[in-house]
PDB file of N, CA and C in Angstrom:
ATOM      1  N   MET A   1     145.057  58.952  11.779  1.00  0.00           N
ATOM      2  CA  MET A   1     144.269  58.871  11.916  1.00  0.00           C
ATOM      3  C   MET A   1     143.325  58.835  13.343  1.00  0.00           C
ATOM      4  N   THR A   2     142.234  59.538  13.315  1.00  0.00           N
ATOM      5  CA  THR A   2     141.300  59.704  14.966  1.00  0.00           C
ATOM      6  C   THR A   2     140.657  58.674  14.734  1.00  0.00           C
ATOM      7  N   PHE A   3     139.971  58.298  16.017  1.00  0.00           N
ATOM      8  CA  PHE A   3     139.285  57.388  16.266  1.00  0.00           C
ATOM      9  C   PHE A   3     137.734  57.273  15.083  1.00  0.00           C
ATOM     10  N   GLU A   4     137.155  58.621  15.171  1.00  0.00           N
ATOM     11  CA  GLU A   4     135.942  58.736  13.877  1.00  0.00           C
ATOM     12  C   GLU A   4     136.392  58.635  12.648  1.00  0.00           C
ATOM     13  N   GLU A   5     137.266  58.834  12.346  1.00  0.00           N
ATOM     14  CA  GLU A   5     138.003  58.416  10.711  1.00  0.00           C
ATOM     15  C   GLU A   5     137.753  56.703  11.322  1.00  0.00           C
ATOM     16  N   ARG A   6     138.539  56.193  11.969  1.00  0.00           N
ATOM     17  CA  ARG A   6     138.774  54.794  12.194  1.00  0.00           C
ATOM     18  C   ARG A   6     137.198  54.153  11.972  1.00  0.00           C
ATOM     19  N   ILE A   7     136.052  54.643  12.549  1.00  0.00           N
ATOM     20  CA  ILE A   7     134.799  54.366  13.240  1.00  0.00           C
ATOM     21  C   ILE A   7     134.436  54.509  11.242  1.00  0.00           C
ATOM     22  N   ASP A   8     134.397  55.657  10.460  1.00  0.00           N
ATOM     23  CA  ASP A   8     133.545  56.287   9.543  1.00  0.00           C
ATOM     24  C   ASP A   8     134.388  55.441   8.571  1.00  0.00           C
ATOM     25  N   ARG A   9     135.515  54.811   8.354  1.00  0.00           N
ATOM     26  CA  ARG A   9     135.873  53.897   7.313  1.00  0.00           C
ATOM     27  C   ARG A   9     135.031  52.528   7.643  1.00  0.00           C
ATOM     28  N   LEU A  10     135.181  52.059   8.987  1.00  0.00           N
ATOM     29  CA  LEU A  10     134.779  50.817   9.157  1.00  0.00           C
ATOM     30  C   LEU A  10     133.095  50.650   8.518  1.00  0.00           C
ATOM     31  N   ARG A  11     132.479  52.136   8.798  1.00  0.00           N
ATOM     32  CA  ARG A  11     131.539  51.916   8.459  1.00  0.00           C
ATOM     33  C   ARG A  11     131.022  51.740   6.804  1.00  0.00           C
ATOM     34  N   GLU A  12     131.768  52.446   5.905  1.00  0.00           N
ATOM     35  CA  GLU A  12     131.775  52.928   4.718  1.00  0.00           C
ATOM     36  C   GLU A  12     132.190  51.089   4.364  1.00  0.00           C
ATOM     37  N   ARG A  13     133.076  50.654   4.889  1.00  0.00           N
ATOM     38  CA  ARG A  13     133.333  48.782   4.310  1.00  0.00           C
ATOM     39  C   ARG A  13     132.137  48.001   4.587  1.00  0.00           C
ATOM     40  N   HIS A  14     131.708  48.127   5.764  1.00  0.00           N
ATOM     41  CA  HIS A  14     130.455  47.216   6.152  1.00  0.00           C
ATOM     42  C   HIS A  14     129.612  47.825   5.057  1.00  0.00           C
ATOM     43  N   GLU A  15     129.203  48.961   5.049  1.00  0.00           N
ATOM     44  CA  GLU A  15     128.235  49.091   4.190  1.00  0.00           C
ATOM     45  C   GLU A  15     128.726  48.751   2.232  1.00  0.00           C
ATOM     46  N   ALA A  16     129.844  48.703   2.641  1.00  0.00           N
ATOM     47  CA  ALA A  16     129.922  47.998   0.739  1.00  0.00           C
ATOM     48  C   ALA A  16     129.945  46.910   1.230  1.00  0.00           C
ATOM     49  N   LEU A  17     130.221  45.986   2.032  1.00  0.00           N
ATOM     50  CA  LEU A  17     130.205  44.478   2.584  1.00  0.00           C
ATOM     51  C   LEU A  17     128.684  44.031   2.094  1.00  0.00           C
ATOM     52  N   THR A  18     127.719  44.966   2.592  1.00  0.00           N
ATOM     53  CA  THR A  18     126.310  44.951   3.118  1.00  0.00           C
ATOM     54  C   THR A  18     125.782  44.744   1.714  1.00  0.00           C
ATOM     55  N   GLN A  19     126.325  45.709   0.603  1.00  0.00           N
ATOM     56  CA  GLN A  19     125.974  45.852  -0.870  1.00  0.00           C
ATOM     57  C   GLN A  19     126.164  44.356  -1.687  1.00  0.00           C
ATOM     58  N   SER A  20     127.616  44.152  -1.353  1.00  0.00           N
ATOM     59  CA  SER A  20     128.085  43.075  -1.655  1.00  0.00           C
ATOM     60  C   SER A  20     127.463  41.828  -1.892  1.00  0.00           C
ATOM     61  N   VAL A  21     126.891  41.438  -0.423  1.00  0.00           N
ATOM     62  CA  VAL A  21     126.114  40.782  -0.068  1.00  0.00           C
ATOM     63  C   VAL A  21     125.052  40.793  -0.858  1.00  0.00           C
ATOM     64  N   GLU A  22     124.358  41.726  -0.890  1.00  0.00           N
ATOM     65  CA  GLU A  22     123.032  41.854  -0.893  1.00  0.00           C
ATOM     66  C   GLU A  22     123.110  41.322  -2.758  1.00  0.00           C
ATOM     67  N   LEU A  23     124.029  41.730  -3.311  1.00  0.00           N
ATOM     68  CA  LEU A  23     124.210  41.529  -4.927  1.00  0.00           C
ATOM     69  C   LEU A  23     124.081  39.993  -4.978  1.00  0.00           C
ATOM     70  N   LEU A  24     124.814  39.838  -4.213  1.00  0.00           N
ATOM     71  CA  LEU A  24     125.427  37.736  -4.345  1.00  0.00           C
ATOM     72  C   LEU A  24     124.170  37.504  -4.111  1.00  0.00           C
ATOM     73  N   LEU A  25     123.460  37.452  -2.754  1.00  0.00           N
ATOM     74  CA  LEU A  25     121.978  37.126  -3.084  1.00  0.00           C
ATOM     75  C   LEU A  25     121.105  37.345  -3.852  1.00  0.00           C
ATOM     76  N   ILE A  26     121.206  38.300  -4.725  1.00  0.00           N
ATOM     77  CA  ILE A  26     120.316  38.465  -5.895  1.00  0.00           C
ATOM     78  C   ILE A  26     120.739  37.371  -6.926  1.00  0.00           C
ATOM     79  N   SER A  27     121.818  37.728  -6.940  1.00  0.00           N
ATOM     80  CA  SER A  27     122.447  36.532  -8.245  1.00  0.00           C
ATOM     81  C   SER A  27     122.304  35.196  -8.151  1.00  0.00           C
ATOM     82  N   GLN A  28     122.664  34.699  -6.968  1.00  0.00           N
ATOM     83  CA  GLN A  28     122.369  33.132  -6.183  1.00  0.00           C
ATOM     84  C   GLN A  28     121.031  32.618  -6.856  1.00  0.00           C
ATOM     85  N   ARG A  29     119.876  34.220  -6.478  1.00  0.00           N
ATOM     86  CA  ARG A  29     118.383  33.775  -6.924  1.00  0.00           C
ATOM     87  C   ARG A  29     118.203  33.267  -7.887  1.00  0.00           C
ATOM     88  N   GLU A  30     118.979  33.891  -8.654  1.00  0.00           N
ATOM     89  CA  GLU A  30     118.554  34.350 -10.353  1.00  0.00           C
ATOM     90  C   GLU A  30     119.112  32.938 -10.695  1.00  0.00           C
ATOM     91  N   ASN A  31     120.379  32.474 -10.370  1.00  0.00           N
ATOM     92  CA  ASN A  31     120.967  31.300 -10.483  1.00  0.00           C
ATOM     93  C   ASN A  31     119.560  30.747 -10.126  1.00  0.00           C
ATOM     94  N   SER A  32     119.283  30.271  -9.193  1.00  0.00           N
ATOM     95  CA  SER A  32     118.446  28.628  -8.600  1.00  0.00           C
ATOM     96  C   SER A  32     116.889  28.867  -9.756  1.00  0.00           C
ATOM     97  N   THR A  33     116.763  30.094  -9.888  1.00  0.00           N
ATOM     98  CA  THR A  33     115.607  29.708 -11.112  1.00  0.00           C
ATOM     99  C   THR A  33     115.875  28.809 -11.793  1.00  0.00           C
ATOM    100  N   GLN A  34     116.667  30.061 -12.419  1.00  0.00           N
ATOM    101  CA  GLN A  34     117.706  29.515 -14.330  1.00  0.00           C
ATOM    102  C   GLN A  34     117.766  27.619 -13.891  1.00  0.00           C
ATOM    103  N   ILE A  35     118.132  27.722 -12.945  1.00  0.00           N
ATOM    104  CA  ILE A  35     118.814  26.086 -12.484  1.00  0.00           C
ATOM    105  C   ILE A  35     117.289  25.016 -12.822  1.00  0.00           C
ATOM    106  N   ARG A  36     116.385  25.713 -11.856  1.00  0.00           N
ATOM    107  CA  ARG A  36     115.184  24.750 -11.975  1.00  0.00           C
ATOM    108  C   ARG A  36     114.634  24.695 -13.031  1.00  0.00           C
ATOM    109  N   ALA A  37     114.726  25.829 -13.742  1.00  0.00           N
ATOM    110  CA  ALA A  37     114.284  26.063 -15.538  1.00  0.00           C
ATOM    111  C   ALA A  37     114.715  25.006 -16.619  1.00  0.00           C
ATOM    112  N   ASN A  38     116.230  24.822 -16.077  1.00  0.00           N
ATOM    113  CA  ASN A  38     116.811  24.167 -16.654  1.00  0.00           C
ATOM    114  C   ASN A  38     116.539  22.743 -16.325  1.00  0.00           C
ATOM    115  N   THR A  39     116.237  21.872 -15.054  1.00  0.00           N
ATOM    116  CA  THR A  39     115.781  21.252 -14.835  1.00  0.00           C
ATOM    117  C   THR A  39     114.846  20.700 -15.389  1.00  0.00           C
ATOM    118  N   GLU A  40     113.816  21.227 -15.230  1.00  0.00           N
ATOM    119  CA  GLU A  40     112.518  20.638 -16.345  1.00  0.00           C
ATOM    120  C   GLU A  40     112.899  20.669 -17.648  1.00  0.00           C
ATOM    121  N   ASN A  41     113.258  21.410 -17.901  1.00  0.00           N
ATOM    122  CA  ASN A  41     113.947  21.228 -19.788  1.00  0.00           C
ATOM    123  C   ASN A  41     115.033  20.131 -20.165  1.00  0.00           C
ATOM    124  N   ILE A  42     115.565  20.112 -18.823  1.00  0.00           N
ATOM    125  CA  ILE A  42     116.025  18.583 -19.605  1.00  0.00           C
ATOM    126  C   ILE A  42     115.390  17.514 -19.144  1.00  0.00           C
ATOM    127  N   GLY A  43     114.228  17.053 -18.225  1.00  0.00           N
ATOM    128  CA  GLY A  43     113.444  16.289 -18.034  1.00  0.00           C
ATOM    129  C   GLY A  43     113.121  16.417 -19.054  1.00  0.00           C
ATOM    130  N   LYS A  44     111.997  17.383 -19.764  1.00  0.00           N
ATOM    131  CA  LYS A  44     111.508  17.090 -20.790  1.00  0.00           C
ATOM    132  C   LYS A  44     112.320  16.252 -22.005  1.00  0.00           C
ATOM    133  N   LEU A  45     113.598  17.353 -22.344  1.00  0.00           N
ATOM    134  CA  LEU A  45     114.041  16.491 -23.242  1.00  0.00           C
ATOM    135  C   LEU A  45     114.579  14.804 -23.042  1.00  0.00           C
ATOM    136  N   VAL A  46     114.450  14.651 -21.752  1.00  0.00           N
ATOM    137  CA  VAL A  46     114.599  12.985 -21.749  1.00  0.00           C
ATOM    138  C   VAL A  46     113.782  12.134 -22.036  1.00  0.00           C
ATOM    139  N   GLU A  47     112.489  13.056 -21.514  1.00  0.00           N
ATOM    140  CA  GLU A  47     111.668  12.051 -22.117  1.00  0.00           C
ATOM    141  C   GLU A  47     111.288  11.840 -23.367  1.00  0.00           C
ATOM    142  N   VAL A  48     111.450  12.959 -24.100  1.00  0.00           N
ATOM    143  CA  VAL A  48     111.264  13.295 -25.421  1.00  0.00           C
ATOM    144  C   VAL A  48     112.195  12.237 -26.075  1.00  0.00           C
ATOM    145  N   SER A  49     113.371  11.915 -25.893  1.00  0.00           N
ATOM    146  CA  SER A  49     114.767  11.515 -26.225  1.00  0.00           C
ATOM    147  C   SER A  49     114.337   9.158 -25.955  1.00  0.00           C
ATOM    148  N   ASN A  50     113.747   9.808 -25.096  1.00  0.00           N
ATOM    149  CA  ASN A  50     112.877   7.990 -24.960  1.00  0.00           C
ATOM    150  C   ASN A  50     112.101   7.399 -25.845  1.00  0.00           C
ATOM    151  N   ARG A  51     111.395   8.729 -26.102  1.00  0.00           N
ATOM    152  CA  ARG A  51     109.927   8.266 -26.722  1.00  0.00           C
ATOM    153  C   ARG A  51     110.360   8.097 -28.382  1.00  0.00           C
ATOM    154  N   ASP A  52     111.535   8.751 -28.905  1.00  0.00           N
ATOM    155  CA  ASP A  52     112.025   8.350 -29.728  1.00  0.00           C
ATOM    156  C   ASP A  52     112.715   7.151 -30.213  1.00  0.00           C
ATOM    157  N   ALA A  53     113.608   7.234 -29.159  1.00  0.00           N
ATOM    158  CA  ALA A  53     113.926   5.588 -28.767  1.00  0.00           C
ATOM    159  C   ALA A  53     113.261   4.549 -29.081  1.00  0.00           C
ATOM    160  N   VAL A  54     111.736   4.372 -28.301  1.00  0.00           N
ATOM    161  CA  VAL A  54     110.829   3.687 -28.629  1.00  0.00           C
ATOM    162  C   VAL A  54     110.403   3.637 -29.551  1.00  0.00           C
ATOM    163  N   ASP A  55     110.228   5.115 -30.715  1.00  0.00           N
ATOM    164  CA  ASP A  55     110.188   4.632 -32.310  1.00  0.00           C
ATOM    165  C   ASP A  55     110.499   4.080 -32.977  1.00  0.00           C
ATOM    166  N   ILE A  56     111.783   4.572 -32.754  1.00  0.00           N
ATOM    167  CA  ILE A  56     112.997   4.339 -33.676  1.00  0.00           C
ATOM    168  C   ILE A  56     113.634   2.473 -33.714  1.00  0.00           C
ATOM    169  N   ALA A  57     113.274   2.171 -32.604  1.00  0.00           N
ATOM    170  CA  ALA A  57     113.081   0.669 -32.377  1.00  0.00           C
ATOM    171  C   ALA A  57     111.966   0.379 -33.301  1.00  0.00           C
ATOM    172  N   ALA A  58     111.028   0.629 -33.195  1.00  0.00           N
ATOM    173  CA  ALA A  58     109.653   0.010 -33.713  1.00  0.00           C
ATOM    174  C   ALA A  58     109.912   0.360 -35.335  1.00  0.00           C
ATOM    175  N   LEU A  59     110.091   1.394 -35.362  1.00  0.00           N
ATOM    176  CA  LEU A  59     110.191   1.493 -36.877  1.00  0.00           C
ATOM    177  C   LEU A  59     111.557   0.264 -37.621  1.00  0.00           C
ATOM    178  N   ALA A  60     112.457   0.166 -37.036  1.00  0.00           N
ATOM    179  CA  ALA A  60     113.786  -0.785 -37.685  1.00  0.00           C
ATOM    180  C   ALA A  60     113.028  -2.457 -37.330  1.00  0.00           C
ATOM    181  N   ARG A  61     111.927  -2.535 -36.538  1.00  0.00           N
ATOM    182  CA  ARG A  61     111.677  -3.529 -36.408  1.00  0.00           C
ATOM    183  C   ARG A  61     110.561  -3.501 -38.084  1.00  0.00           C
ATOM    184  N   VAL A  62     109.882  -2.802 -38.008  1.00  0.00           N
ATOM    185  CA  VAL A  62     109.106  -2.335 -39.140  1.00  0.00           C
ATOM    186  C   VAL A  62     109.992  -3.474 -40.784  1.00  0.00           C
ATOM    187  N   ALA A  63     111.569  -2.558 -40.662  1.00  0.00           N
ATOM    188  CA  ALA A  63     111.921  -2.209 -41.735  1.00  0.00           C
ATOM    189  C   ALA A  63     112.915  -3.684 -41.517  1.00  0.00           C
ATOM    190  N   GLU A  64     112.837  -4.229 -40.760  1.00  0.00           N
ATOM    191  CA  GLU A  64     113.648  -5.428 -40.984  1.00  0.00           C
ATOM    192  C   GLU A  64     112.440  -6.847 -41.571  1.00  0.00           C
ATOM    193  N   SER A  65     111.249  -6.459 -40.992  1.00  0.00           N
ATOM    194  CA  SER A  65     109.912  -7.225 -41.302  1.00  0.00           C
ATOM    195  C   SER A  65     110.378  -6.908 -43.176  1.00  0.00           C
ATOM    196  N   HIS A  66     109.867  -5.675 -43.650  1.00  0.00           N
ATOM    197  CA  HIS A  66     109.909  -5.802 -44.793  1.00  0.00           C
ATOM    198  C   HIS A  66     110.905  -6.367 -45.685  1.00  0.00           C
ATOM    199  N   GLU A  67     112.099  -6.264 -45.156  1.00  0.00           N
ATOM    200  CA  GLU A  67     113.584  -6.429 -45.789  1.00  0.00           C
ATOM    201  C   GLU A  67     113.405  -8.604 -45.824  1.00  0.00           C
ATOM    202  N   ARG A  68     112.911  -8.577 -44.464  1.00  0.00           N
ATOM    203  CA  ARG A  68     112.661 -10.465 -44.889  1.00  0.00           C
ATOM    204  C   ARG A  68     111.629 -10.637 -46.261  1.00  0.00           C
ATOM    205  N   ARG A  69     110.615  -9.984 -45.801  1.00  0.00           N
ATOM    206  CA  ARG A  69     109.173 -10.152 -46.677  1.00  0.00           C
ATOM    207  C   ARG A  69     110.019  -9.697 -48.320  1.00  0.00           C
ATOM    208  N   ILE A  70     110.775  -8.842 -48.260  1.00  0.00           N
ATOM    209  CA  ILE A  70     111.227  -8.751 -49.648  1.00  0.00           C
ATOM    210  C   ILE A  70     111.983  -9.595 -50.163  1.00  0.00           C
ATOM    211  N   ASN A  71     112.975 -10.295 -49.174  1.00  0.00           N
ATOM    212  CA  ASN A  71     114.004 -11.075 -49.114  1.00  0.00           C
ATOM    213  C   ASN A  71     113.475 -12.529 -49.697  1.00  0.00           C
ATOM    214  N   GLY A  72     112.073 -12.718 -49.104  1.00  0.00           N
ATOM    215  CA  GLY A  72     111.498 -14.167 -49.154  1.00  0.00           C
ATOM    216  C   GLY A  72     110.481 -14.056 -50.790  1.00  0.00           C
ATOM    217  N   LEU A  73     110.284 -13.010 -51.445  1.00  0.00           N
ATOM    218  CA  LEU A  73     109.546 -12.271 -52.386  1.00  0.00           C
ATOM    219  C   LEU A  73     110.599 -12.933 -53.596  1.00  0.00           C
ATOM    220  N   GLU A  74     111.672 -12.106 -53.388  1.00  0.00           N
ATOM    221  CA  GLU A  74     112.731 -12.550 -54.197  1.00  0.00           C
ATOM    222  C   GLU A  74     113.402 -13.888 -54.824  1.00  0.00           C
ATOM    223  N   GLU A  75     113.375 -14.354 -53.629  1.00  0.00           N
ATOM    224  CA  GLU A  75     113.786 -15.839 -53.556  1.00  0.00           C
ATOM    225  C   GLU A  75     112.974 -16.380 -54.134  1.00  0.00           C
ATOM    226  N   GLY A  76     111.377 -16.372 -54.135  1.00  0.00           N
ATOM    227  CA  GLY A  76     110.869 -17.300 -54.316  1.00  0.00           C
ATOM    228  C   GLY A  76     110.275 -16.960 -56.279  1.00  0.00           C
ATOM    229  N   ARG A  77     110.906 -15.662 -56.696  1.00  0.00           N
ATOM    230  CA  ARG A  77     110.900 -15.871 -57.776  1.00  0.00           C
ATOM    231  C   ARG A  77     112.484 -16.270 -58.246  1.00  0.00           C
ATOM    232  N   ALA A  78     113.117 -16.224 -57.899  1.00  0.00           N
ATOM    233  CA  ALA A  78     114.667 -17.188 -58.495  1.00  0.00           C
ATOM    234  C   ALA A  78     114.401 -18.391 -58.478  1.00  0.00           C
TER     235      ALA A  78
END
């Protein structure tokens, strides 16, 4: 293999590596964008879940209150 052939081969490898790095950078940018979007969505889901938990606790208190009232009414009839 001559010196020129080696240089050409190294140049081809360099170009292939450059393209690979460019593709990796594009992929990394897309992943970063998706991660940011997912992080925002997870934050929204946590907020909604927390609100639901508060609402469920309030409904449980209402149900317990109604149950006590019904039991009191039933005991009054007996």
